[in-house]
Amino acid sequence: MLKMNIIFFLQIFLISCSSSTIDEANLNTSNPNNDIAKIVSVSTTGNENNYNFSVGISSPDKGCNQYANWWEVITEDGTLIYRRILGHSHVNEQPFVRSGGKVNIKKDQVIIIRVHMNNSGYSVNTFKGSINNGFSVFETATNFANNLASQNPLPTGCAF
């Protein structure tokens, strides 16, 4: 139980100390089904070519039929650098933070961090920036790098 409390407080700390926070007024809200996940924070640790990311996500999870199933780091031209698979729904944990790495990027390389829902695809509400300059809210085109949705690694299922 103590370990779970420490992890919870560490996640809250990471959100509050993150290099970026979301501005709800700047988010795309054109989805009438409310099935879009949103990145709400990004923080990083590590050294060049070996960074760990902690990504905060707010998603309208309803169980295995609707949940955020990964977040990823991509280049500005849509090349996948890293994908963190989310193996289950987070119905009762919103927003939530999940960490991942080793992300092999330079400290000044501009990247995009985005989230994917199993039933509605990629959110256009992303974060863009670099380790050096931080990350801020960024909206991608609706069809930006959608081809990555079939690129490995992919989730193998949902544990609920």
N, C-alpha and C. Protein backbone atom coordinates (compact mmCIF):
# COMPACT_ATOMS: atom_id res chain seq x y z
N MET A 1 0.83 -1.19 0.00
CA MET A 1 0.00 0.00 0.00
C MET A 1 0.87 1.26 0.00
N LEU A 2 1.94 1.23 0.79
CA LEU A 2 2.84 2.38 0.84
C LEU A 2 3.46 2.63 -0.53
N LYS A 3 3.83 1.54 -1.22
CA LYS A 3 4.41 1.67 -2.55
C LYS A 3 3.42 2.32 -3.51
N MET A 4 2.13 1.92 -3.44
CA MET A 4 1.12 2.51 -4.31
C MET A 4 0.94 3.99 -4.01
N ASN A 5 0.97 4.38 -2.73
CA ASN A 5 0.85 5.79 -2.36
C ASN A 5 2.03 6.59 -2.87
N ILE A 6 3.23 6.03 -2.77
CA ILE A 6 4.43 6.72 -3.26
C ILE A 6 4.33 6.92 -4.76
N ILE A 7 3.90 5.87 -5.50
CA ILE A 7 3.75 5.98 -6.95
C ILE A 7 2.72 7.04 -7.29
N PHE A 8 1.58 7.06 -6.58
CA PHE A 8 0.54 8.05 -6.83
C PHE A 8 1.09 9.47 -6.63
N PHE A 9 1.75 9.71 -5.51
CA PHE A 9 2.29 11.04 -5.25
C PHE A 9 3.37 11.41 -6.24
N LEU A 10 4.16 10.44 -6.68
CA LEU A 10 5.18 10.71 -7.69
C LEU A 10 4.52 11.13 -9.01
N GLN A 11 3.43 10.46 -9.38
CA GLN A 11 2.73 10.84 -10.60
C GLN A 11 2.16 12.25 -10.50
N ILE A 12 1.56 12.59 -9.37
CA ILE A 12 1.03 13.94 -9.17
C ILE A 12 2.17 14.95 -9.23
N PHE A 13 3.29 14.63 -8.60
CA PHE A 13 4.45 15.52 -8.63
C PHE A 13 4.92 15.73 -10.06
N LEU A 14 4.99 14.66 -10.85
CA LEU A 14 5.44 14.77 -12.23
C LEU A 14 4.50 15.65 -13.04
N ILE A 15 3.20 15.51 -12.79
CA ILE A 15 2.25 16.36 -13.50
C ILE A 15 2.47 17.82 -13.13
N SER A 16 2.65 18.09 -11.85
CA SER A 16 2.79 19.49 -11.42
C SER A 16 4.13 20.08 -11.84
N CYS A 17 5.14 19.25 -12.02
CA CYS A 17 6.47 19.74 -12.41
C CYS A 17 6.73 19.54 -13.89
N SER A 18 5.73 19.16 -14.64
CA SER A 18 5.95 18.84 -16.04
C SER A 18 6.40 20.07 -16.80
N SER A 19 7.09 19.80 -17.92
CA SER A 19 7.60 20.89 -18.73
C SER A 19 6.50 21.56 -19.54
N SER A 20 5.33 20.95 -19.58
CA SER A 20 4.23 21.52 -20.34
C SER A 20 2.91 21.16 -19.68
N THR A 21 1.96 22.05 -19.83
CA THR A 21 0.61 21.76 -19.38
C THR A 21 -0.34 22.12 -20.49
N ILE A 22 -1.53 21.60 -20.40
CA ILE A 22 -2.48 21.80 -21.48
C ILE A 22 -3.32 23.05 -21.26
N ASP A 23 -3.70 23.67 -22.32
CA ASP A 23 -4.60 24.82 -22.29
C ASP A 23 -5.90 24.37 -22.93
N GLU A 24 -6.92 24.06 -22.13
CA GLU A 24 -8.17 23.52 -22.63
C GLU A 24 -8.81 24.42 -23.70
N ALA A 25 -8.60 25.71 -23.64
CA ALA A 25 -9.20 26.61 -24.62
C ALA A 25 -8.61 26.39 -26.01
N ASN A 26 -7.40 25.83 -26.10
CA ASN A 26 -6.76 25.63 -27.38
C ASN A 26 -6.95 24.23 -27.95
N LEU A 27 -7.79 23.42 -27.33
CA LEU A 27 -7.99 22.06 -27.80
C LEU A 27 -9.08 21.99 -28.84
N ASN A 28 -8.94 21.03 -29.77
CA ASN A 28 -9.97 20.75 -30.74
C ASN A 28 -11.12 20.08 -30.01
N THR A 29 -12.29 20.66 -30.07
CA THR A 29 -13.45 20.10 -29.38
C THR A 29 -14.56 19.77 -30.36
N SER A 30 -14.20 19.47 -31.62
CA SER A 30 -15.20 19.25 -32.65
C SER A 30 -15.73 17.82 -32.68
N ASN A 31 -15.32 16.94 -31.78
CA ASN A 31 -15.77 15.57 -31.78
C ASN A 31 -17.04 15.44 -30.94
N PRO A 32 -18.20 15.23 -31.57
CA PRO A 32 -19.46 15.18 -30.82
C PRO A 32 -19.60 13.92 -29.98
N ASN A 33 -18.83 12.86 -30.28
CA ASN A 33 -18.94 11.61 -29.52
C ASN A 33 -18.10 11.62 -28.25
N ASN A 34 -17.32 12.64 -28.03
CA ASN A 34 -16.48 12.75 -26.84
C ASN A 34 -15.63 11.50 -26.63
N ASP A 35 -15.02 11.01 -27.72
CA ASP A 35 -14.19 9.82 -27.62
C ASP A 35 -12.73 10.12 -27.98
N ILE A 36 -12.31 11.34 -27.68
CA ILE A 36 -10.94 11.75 -27.97
C ILE A 36 -10.14 11.83 -26.68
N ALA A 37 -8.98 11.22 -26.69
CA ALA A 37 -8.06 11.36 -25.57
C ALA A 37 -7.21 12.60 -25.78
N LYS A 38 -6.67 13.13 -24.70
CA LYS A 38 -5.86 14.34 -24.78
C LYS A 38 -4.60 14.17 -23.94
N ILE A 39 -3.49 14.64 -24.46
CA ILE A 39 -2.26 14.73 -23.68
C ILE A 39 -2.43 15.94 -22.77
N VAL A 40 -2.18 15.79 -21.47
CA VAL A 40 -2.33 16.90 -20.53
C VAL A 40 -1.01 17.33 -19.91
N SER A 41 0.02 16.49 -20.04
CA SER A 41 1.33 16.88 -19.52
C SER A 41 2.41 16.02 -20.14
N VAL A 42 3.60 16.59 -20.20
CA VAL A 42 4.78 15.87 -20.66
C VAL A 42 5.96 16.30 -19.81
N SER A 43 6.68 15.32 -19.26
CA SER A 43 7.93 15.63 -18.58
C SER A 43 8.96 14.60 -19.01
N THR A 44 10.21 14.98 -18.91
CA THR A 44 11.28 14.10 -19.37
C THR A 44 12.41 14.05 -18.35
N THR A 45 13.11 12.95 -18.36
CA THR A 45 14.35 12.79 -17.60
C THR A 45 15.33 12.05 -18.49
N GLY A 46 16.59 12.10 -18.13
CA GLY A 46 17.58 11.33 -18.87
C GLY A 46 18.58 12.20 -19.58
N ASN A 47 19.28 11.56 -20.49
CA ASN A 47 20.33 12.20 -21.26
C ASN A 47 20.09 12.00 -22.74
N GLU A 48 20.80 12.78 -23.55
CA GLU A 48 20.63 12.71 -24.99
C GLU A 48 20.71 11.26 -25.47
N ASN A 49 19.79 10.90 -26.36
CA ASN A 49 19.65 9.57 -26.94
C ASN A 49 19.18 8.52 -25.94
N ASN A 50 18.77 8.95 -24.75
CA ASN A 50 18.30 8.02 -23.72
C ASN A 50 17.36 8.75 -22.76
N TYR A 51 16.23 9.25 -23.30
CA TYR A 51 15.28 9.99 -22.47
C TYR A 51 14.12 9.10 -22.07
N ASN A 52 13.60 9.36 -20.88
CA ASN A 52 12.36 8.77 -20.42
C ASN A 52 11.30 9.86 -20.42
N PHE A 53 10.11 9.52 -20.85
CA PHE A 53 9.00 10.45 -20.90
C PHE A 53 7.94 10.01 -19.91
N SER A 54 7.35 10.96 -19.23
CA SER A 54 6.15 10.73 -18.42
C SER A 54 5.06 11.56 -19.07
N VAL A 55 4.03 10.88 -19.56
CA VAL A 55 2.98 11.52 -20.34
C VAL A 55 1.67 11.41 -19.59
N GLY A 56 1.05 12.56 -19.33
CA GLY A 56 -0.27 12.60 -18.70
C GLY A 56 -1.34 12.58 -19.77
N ILE A 57 -2.34 11.75 -19.56
CA ILE A 57 -3.41 11.56 -20.54
C ILE A 57 -4.76 11.68 -19.85
N SER A 58 -5.66 12.40 -20.48
CA SER A 58 -7.06 12.44 -20.08
C SER A 58 -7.84 11.78 -21.20
N SER A 59 -8.56 10.71 -20.88
CA SER A 59 -9.27 10.00 -21.93
C SER A 59 -10.64 9.54 -21.43
N PRO A 60 -11.61 9.51 -22.32
CA PRO A 60 -12.97 9.09 -21.96
C PRO A 60 -13.09 7.57 -21.95
N ASP A 61 -12.26 6.92 -21.17
CA ASP A 61 -12.25 5.46 -21.11
C ASP A 61 -13.58 4.93 -20.57
N LYS A 62 -14.07 3.87 -21.19
CA LYS A 62 -15.31 3.21 -20.75
C LYS A 62 -15.10 1.73 -20.52
N GLY A 63 -13.88 1.27 -20.66
CA GLY A 63 -13.57 -0.15 -20.59
C GLY A 63 -12.84 -0.54 -21.85
N CYS A 64 -12.74 -1.82 -22.11
CA CYS A 64 -11.97 -2.29 -23.26
C CYS A 64 -12.58 -1.91 -24.61
N ASN A 65 -13.85 -1.51 -24.63
CA ASN A 65 -14.46 -1.08 -25.89
C ASN A 65 -14.10 0.37 -26.24
N GLN A 66 -13.59 1.13 -25.28
CA GLN A 66 -13.16 2.51 -25.54
C GLN A 66 -12.12 2.90 -24.50
N TYR A 67 -10.85 2.97 -24.96
CA TYR A 67 -9.79 3.39 -24.05
C TYR A 67 -8.58 3.88 -24.83
N ALA A 68 -7.76 4.67 -24.19
CA ALA A 68 -6.49 5.12 -24.78
C ALA A 68 -5.56 3.92 -24.76
N ASN A 69 -5.11 3.47 -25.94
CA ASN A 69 -4.31 2.25 -25.98
C ASN A 69 -2.83 2.47 -26.26
N TRP A 70 -2.40 3.71 -26.56
CA TRP A 70 -0.98 4.02 -26.60
C TRP A 70 -0.75 5.51 -26.70
N TRP A 71 0.47 5.90 -26.31
CA TRP A 71 0.97 7.23 -26.64
C TRP A 71 2.28 7.01 -27.38
N GLU A 72 2.65 8.00 -28.20
CA GLU A 72 3.86 7.82 -29.01
C GLU A 72 4.59 9.13 -29.23
N VAL A 73 5.86 8.97 -29.56
CA VAL A 73 6.74 10.08 -29.91
C VAL A 73 7.06 9.92 -31.38
N ILE A 74 6.80 10.98 -32.16
CA ILE A 74 7.05 10.94 -33.60
C ILE A 74 7.81 12.19 -34.05
N THR A 75 8.41 12.09 -35.22
CA THR A 75 9.08 13.25 -35.81
C THR A 75 8.06 14.17 -36.44
N GLU A 76 8.49 15.35 -36.80
CA GLU A 76 7.59 16.31 -37.45
C GLU A 76 7.09 15.80 -38.80
N ASP A 77 7.84 14.90 -39.44
CA ASP A 77 7.38 14.36 -40.72
C ASP A 77 6.61 13.05 -40.57
N GLY A 78 6.33 12.64 -39.32
CA GLY A 78 5.47 11.49 -39.08
C GLY A 78 6.16 10.14 -38.97
N THR A 79 7.42 10.13 -38.60
CA THR A 79 8.15 8.88 -38.40
C THR A 79 8.05 8.49 -36.92
N LEU A 80 7.68 7.24 -36.67
CA LEU A 80 7.58 6.75 -35.30
C LEU A 80 8.97 6.58 -34.69
N ILE A 81 9.14 7.20 -33.52
CA ILE A 81 10.39 7.07 -32.76
C ILE A 81 10.20 6.09 -31.60
N TYR A 82 9.06 6.22 -30.91
CA TYR A 82 8.81 5.41 -29.72
C TYR A 82 7.31 5.30 -29.50
N ARG A 83 6.85 4.11 -29.06
CA ARG A 83 5.44 3.94 -28.72
C ARG A 83 5.34 3.24 -27.36
N ARG A 84 4.50 3.80 -26.47
CA ARG A 84 4.24 3.21 -25.15
C ARG A 84 2.83 2.62 -25.19
N ILE A 85 2.76 1.28 -25.18
CA ILE A 85 1.47 0.58 -25.20
C ILE A 85 0.82 0.71 -23.82
N LEU A 86 -0.48 0.97 -23.82
CA LEU A 86 -1.29 1.01 -22.60
C LEU A 86 -2.19 -0.21 -22.63
N GLY A 87 -1.97 -1.14 -21.73
CA GLY A 87 -2.59 -2.46 -21.82
C GLY A 87 -3.98 -2.58 -21.25
N HIS A 88 -4.53 -1.50 -20.69
CA HIS A 88 -5.87 -1.59 -20.12
C HIS A 88 -6.50 -0.21 -20.05
N SER A 89 -7.78 -0.22 -19.81
CA SER A 89 -8.56 1.00 -19.67
C SER A 89 -8.28 1.65 -18.31
N HIS A 90 -8.42 2.95 -18.24
CA HIS A 90 -8.21 3.72 -17.01
C HIS A 90 -9.50 4.45 -16.62
N VAL A 91 -10.59 3.71 -16.53
CA VAL A 91 -11.90 4.28 -16.25
C VAL A 91 -11.89 5.10 -14.97
N ASN A 92 -11.32 4.56 -13.92
CA ASN A 92 -11.36 5.20 -12.60
C ASN A 92 -10.08 5.95 -12.25
N GLU A 93 -9.26 6.23 -13.22
CA GLU A 93 -7.99 6.92 -12.98
C GLU A 93 -7.82 7.98 -14.06
N GLN A 94 -8.39 9.14 -13.85
CA GLN A 94 -8.35 10.21 -14.85
C GLN A 94 -7.98 11.53 -14.21
N PRO A 95 -7.08 12.29 -14.79
CA PRO A 95 -6.14 11.84 -15.82
C PRO A 95 -5.13 10.87 -15.20
N PHE A 96 -4.38 10.20 -16.05
CA PHE A 96 -3.36 9.27 -15.58
C PHE A 96 -2.04 9.56 -16.26
N VAL A 97 -0.95 9.12 -15.64
CA VAL A 97 0.39 9.33 -16.18
C VAL A 97 1.04 7.96 -16.38
N ARG A 98 1.64 7.79 -17.56
CA ARG A 98 2.41 6.58 -17.82
C ARG A 98 3.76 6.98 -18.41
N SER A 99 4.77 6.32 -17.91
CA SER A 99 6.14 6.62 -18.33
C SER A 99 6.62 5.59 -19.33
N GLY A 100 7.59 6.01 -20.12
CA GLY A 100 8.19 5.11 -21.09
C GLY A 100 9.52 5.63 -21.59
N GLY A 101 10.30 4.79 -22.10
CA GLY A 101 11.61 5.13 -22.66
C GLY A 101 12.35 3.85 -22.89
N LYS A 102 13.32 3.95 -23.40
CA LYS A 102 14.41 4.78 -23.85
C LYS A 102 14.03 5.41 -25.19
N VAL A 103 13.94 6.74 -25.21
CA VAL A 103 13.61 7.46 -26.42
C VAL A 103 14.91 8.06 -26.96
N ASN A 104 15.26 7.62 -28.14
CA ASN A 104 16.54 7.95 -28.75
C ASN A 104 16.40 9.21 -29.61
N ILE A 105 16.52 10.38 -28.94
CA ILE A 105 16.45 11.66 -29.64
C ILE A 105 17.54 12.59 -29.13
N LYS A 106 17.83 13.60 -29.91
CA LYS A 106 18.76 14.66 -29.49
C LYS A 106 17.99 15.68 -28.66
N LYS A 107 18.69 16.43 -27.82
CA LYS A 107 18.03 17.38 -26.92
C LYS A 107 17.36 18.54 -27.66
N ASP A 108 17.79 18.83 -28.89
CA ASP A 108 17.20 19.93 -29.64
C ASP A 108 16.30 19.44 -30.78
N GLN A 109 16.07 18.13 -30.88
CA GLN A 109 15.21 17.57 -31.92
C GLN A 109 13.75 17.87 -31.61
N VAL A 110 13.04 18.43 -32.58
CA VAL A 110 11.62 18.75 -32.41
C VAL A 110 10.81 17.48 -32.67
N ILE A 111 9.92 17.17 -31.73
CA ILE A 111 9.11 15.97 -31.81
C ILE A 111 7.66 16.29 -31.48
N ILE A 112 6.78 15.34 -31.74
CA ILE A 112 5.36 15.44 -31.41
C ILE A 112 5.01 14.25 -30.53
N ILE A 113 4.27 14.50 -29.46
CA ILE A 113 3.78 13.44 -28.59
C ILE A 113 2.27 13.43 -28.74
N ARG A 114 1.73 12.25 -29.05
CA ARG A 114 0.29 12.15 -29.25
C ARG A 114 -0.24 10.84 -28.67
N VAL A 115 -1.57 10.79 -28.53
CA VAL A 115 -2.24 9.63 -27.93
C VAL A 115 -3.22 9.03 -28.94
N HIS A 116 -3.47 7.75 -28.79
CA HIS A 116 -4.35 7.00 -29.69
C HIS A 116 -5.44 6.30 -28.88
N MET A 117 -6.68 6.37 -29.37
CA MET A 117 -7.80 5.63 -28.76
C MET A 117 -8.09 4.40 -29.61
N ASN A 118 -8.41 3.30 -28.97
CA ASN A 118 -8.65 2.06 -29.71
C ASN A 118 -9.84 2.15 -30.66
N ASN A 119 -10.82 2.98 -30.37
CA ASN A 119 -12.03 3.04 -31.20
C ASN A 119 -12.13 4.28 -32.09
N SER A 120 -11.32 5.30 -31.85
CA SER A 120 -11.46 6.53 -32.64
C SER A 120 -10.15 7.01 -33.25
N GLY A 121 -9.06 6.33 -32.96
CA GLY A 121 -7.80 6.69 -33.59
C GLY A 121 -7.05 7.78 -32.85
N TYR A 122 -6.24 8.51 -33.62
CA TYR A 122 -5.36 9.52 -33.05
C TYR A 122 -6.10 10.81 -32.71
N SER A 123 -5.70 11.42 -31.64
CA SER A 123 -6.16 12.75 -31.29
C SER A 123 -5.32 13.78 -32.04
N VAL A 124 -5.95 14.85 -32.46
CA VAL A 124 -5.20 15.95 -33.08
C VAL A 124 -4.61 16.86 -32.01
N ASN A 125 -5.01 16.65 -30.76
CA ASN A 125 -4.53 17.44 -29.62
C ASN A 125 -3.24 16.82 -29.11
N THR A 126 -2.13 17.40 -29.49
CA THR A 126 -0.81 16.84 -29.21
C THR A 126 0.04 17.87 -28.47
N PHE A 127 1.24 17.46 -28.14
CA PHE A 127 2.27 18.38 -27.64
C PHE A 127 3.42 18.33 -28.63
N LYS A 128 4.05 19.47 -28.86
CA LYS A 128 5.18 19.55 -29.78
C LYS A 128 6.28 20.36 -29.12
N GLY A 129 7.52 19.98 -29.38
CA GLY A 129 8.64 20.73 -28.84
C GLY A 129 9.90 19.88 -28.80
N SER A 130 10.81 20.29 -27.92
CA SER A 130 12.08 19.58 -27.77
C SER A 130 12.45 19.54 -26.29
N ILE A 131 13.40 18.69 -25.97
CA ILE A 131 13.89 18.61 -24.60
C ILE A 131 14.44 19.98 -24.18
N ASN A 132 15.22 20.60 -25.05
CA ASN A 132 15.83 21.91 -24.75
C ASN A 132 14.81 23.01 -24.51
N ASN A 133 13.77 23.07 -25.33
CA ASN A 133 12.85 24.21 -25.30
C ASN A 133 11.50 23.89 -24.66
N GLY A 134 11.29 22.66 -24.27
CA GLY A 134 10.02 22.29 -23.66
C GLY A 134 8.97 21.96 -24.69
N PHE A 135 7.78 21.62 -24.21
CA PHE A 135 6.70 21.17 -25.06
C PHE A 135 5.46 22.03 -24.82
N SER A 136 4.70 22.25 -25.88
CA SER A 136 3.46 23.01 -25.75
C SER A 136 2.37 22.39 -26.60
N VAL A 137 1.14 22.79 -26.33
CA VAL A 137 -0.02 22.28 -27.05
C VAL A 137 0.14 22.57 -28.54
N PHE A 138 -0.19 21.57 -29.33
CA PHE A 138 -0.08 21.69 -30.78
C PHE A 138 -1.19 20.86 -31.41
N GLU A 139 -1.83 21.37 -32.45
CA GLU A 139 -2.88 20.64 -33.14
C GLU A 139 -2.38 20.16 -34.49
N THR A 140 -2.41 18.85 -34.70
CA THR A 140 -2.00 18.27 -35.99
C THR A 140 -3.21 18.20 -36.92
N ALA A 141 -2.93 17.96 -38.19
CA ALA A 141 -4.00 17.72 -39.16
C ALA A 141 -4.70 16.41 -38.79
N THR A 142 -5.96 16.30 -39.11
CA THR A 142 -6.76 15.13 -38.76
C THR A 142 -6.13 13.83 -39.27
N ASN A 143 -5.56 13.85 -40.45
CA ASN A 143 -5.00 12.63 -41.03
C ASN A 143 -3.48 12.53 -40.90
N PHE A 144 -2.87 13.34 -40.06
CA PHE A 144 -1.41 13.37 -39.93
C PHE A 144 -0.86 12.02 -39.48
N ALA A 145 -0.04 11.41 -40.29
CA ALA A 145 0.67 10.16 -39.99
C ALA A 145 -0.25 9.06 -39.47
N ASN A 146 -1.47 8.99 -40.01
CA ASN A 146 -2.40 7.94 -39.61
C ASN A 146 -1.90 6.54 -39.99
N ASN A 147 -0.98 6.46 -40.93
CA ASN A 147 -0.42 5.17 -41.32
C ASN A 147 0.30 4.48 -40.16
N LEU A 148 0.68 5.23 -39.15
CA LEU A 148 1.38 4.64 -38.01
C LEU A 148 0.47 3.75 -37.16
N ALA A 149 -0.83 3.89 -37.32
CA ALA A 149 -1.78 3.11 -36.52
C ALA A 149 -1.65 1.61 -36.76
N SER A 150 -1.05 1.21 -37.86
CA SER A 150 -0.87 -0.21 -38.14
C SER A 150 0.58 -0.66 -37.99
N GLN A 151 1.45 0.24 -37.55
CA GLN A 151 2.87 -0.08 -37.40
C GLN A 151 3.15 -0.65 -36.01
N ASN A 152 3.96 -1.68 -35.94
CA ASN A 152 4.35 -2.27 -34.66
C ASN A 152 5.26 -1.35 -33.88
N PRO A 153 5.23 -1.42 -32.56
CA PRO A 153 4.47 -2.38 -31.75
C PRO A 153 3.01 -1.94 -31.60
N LEU A 154 2.14 -2.94 -31.51
CA LEU A 154 0.71 -2.70 -31.35
C LEU A 154 0.21 -3.46 -30.11
N PRO A 155 -0.87 -2.99 -29.51
CA PRO A 155 -1.42 -3.70 -28.35
C PRO A 155 -1.89 -5.09 -28.75
N THR A 156 -1.82 -6.01 -27.81
CA THR A 156 -2.28 -7.38 -28.08
C THR A 156 -3.63 -7.65 -27.45
N GLY A 157 -4.16 -6.68 -26.75
CA GLY A 157 -5.46 -6.85 -26.13
C GLY A 157 -5.64 -5.84 -25.02
N CYS A 158 -6.72 -6.01 -24.28
CA CYS A 158 -7.04 -5.10 -23.19
C CYS A 158 -7.38 -5.92 -21.96
N ALA A 159 -6.73 -5.62 -20.87
CA ALA A 159 -7.03 -6.27 -19.60
C ALA A 159 -7.86 -5.31 -18.77
N PHE A 160 -9.03 -5.69 -18.41
CA PHE A 160 -9.89 -4.77 -17.65
C PHE A 160 -10.20 -5.32 -16.31
